[in-house]
Amino acid sequence: MRLMKAFMEDMNRRVKRCSIIDVKLAQGSAMFLALILAKLFPQIMTISIWWFVVLLLLCAIKPVSIFCAKK
């Protein structure tokens, strides 16, 4: 548990050095990686669209809740 806490603190310290442009570039690279994987493994695209919708919603819950939360 202590190792995980140290790892998270180190990652937080590193992320704080990033500008918004750095974060958006990382998001773009992740998107292009997903496109490359979809091109290399076309059977991924035979999955029902609703699985992608569910995964999108699951991944969006925390960021949206933080964004919309009032302090």
Protein backbone atom coordinates (compact mmCIF):
# COMPACT_ATOMS: atom_id res chain seq x y z
CA MET A 1 0.00 0.00 0.00
CA ARG A 2 2.85 2.35 0.83
CA LEU A 3 4.46 1.67 -2.53
CA MET A 4 1.23 2.57 -4.32
CA LYS A 5 0.92 5.82 -2.35
CA ALA A 6 4.51 6.76 -3.23
CA PHE A 7 3.86 5.93 -6.88
CA MET A 8 0.72 8.08 -6.95
CA GLU A 9 2.49 11.00 -5.27
CA ASP A 10 5.28 10.79 -7.85
CA MET A 11 2.78 10.69 -10.71
CA ASN A 12 0.89 13.68 -9.25
CA ARG A 13 4.14 15.63 -9.02
CA ARG A 14 4.95 14.82 -12.64
CA VAL A 15 1.46 15.65 -13.94
CA LYS A 16 1.49 19.06 -12.24
CA ARG A 17 4.42 19.99 -14.49
CA CYS A 18 2.29 19.45 -17.60
CA SER A 19 0.44 22.25 -19.30
CA ILE A 20 -3.02 21.87 -20.78
CA ILE A 21 -1.41 21.48 -24.20
CA ASP A 22 0.66 18.55 -22.90
CA VAL A 23 -2.46 16.87 -21.52
CA LYS A 24 -4.37 17.36 -24.77
CA LEU A 25 -1.45 16.01 -26.80
CA ALA A 26 -1.41 12.91 -24.57
CA GLN A 27 -5.15 12.49 -25.14
CA GLY A 28 -4.64 12.83 -28.89
CA SER A 29 -1.88 10.23 -28.89
CA ALA A 30 -4.15 7.83 -26.98
CA MET A 31 -6.87 8.39 -29.57
CA PHE A 32 -4.48 7.67 -32.43
CA LEU A 33 -3.21 4.56 -30.65
CA ALA A 34 -6.80 3.36 -30.43
CA LEU A 35 -7.24 3.98 -34.16
CA ILE A 36 -4.04 2.06 -34.95
CA LEU A 37 -5.22 -0.87 -32.83
CA ALA A 38 -8.62 -0.83 -34.53
CA LYS A 39 -6.87 -0.89 -37.91
CA LEU A 40 -4.51 -3.72 -36.89
CA PHE A 41 -7.26 -5.80 -35.28
CA PRO A 42 -10.43 -5.20 -37.32
CA GLN A 43 -12.36 -7.81 -35.33
CA ILE A 44 -12.47 -5.23 -32.50
CA MET A 45 -14.81 -3.17 -34.66
CA THR A 46 -17.29 -6.04 -34.93
CA ILE A 47 -18.20 -5.47 -31.27
CA SER A 48 -21.61 -3.91 -30.78
CA ILE A 49 -21.55 -0.11 -30.55
CA TRP A 50 -23.38 -0.32 -27.22
CA TRP A 51 -20.31 -1.85 -25.54
CA PHE A 52 -18.33 1.21 -26.60
CA VAL A 53 -21.10 3.48 -25.30
CA VAL A 54 -21.10 1.69 -21.92
CA LEU A 55 -17.31 1.91 -21.68
CA LEU A 56 -17.42 5.59 -22.63
CA LEU A 57 -19.95 6.32 -19.90
CA LEU A 58 -18.02 4.34 -17.29
CA CYS A 59 -14.83 6.20 -18.11
CA ALA A 60 -16.59 9.58 -18.12
CA ILE A 61 -18.35 9.31 -14.75
CA LYS A 62 -15.49 10.48 -12.51
CA PRO A 63 -14.18 13.36 -14.67
CA VAL A 64 -17.68 14.69 -15.28
CA SER A 65 -18.62 14.43 -11.61
CA ILE A 66 -15.45 16.32 -10.60
CA PHE A 67 -16.05 18.93 -13.28
CA CYS A 68 -19.66 19.51 -12.22
CA ALA A 69 -19.09 19.35 -8.45
CA LYS A 70 -19.39 22.62 -6.57
CA LYS A 71 -16.98 23.41 -3.77
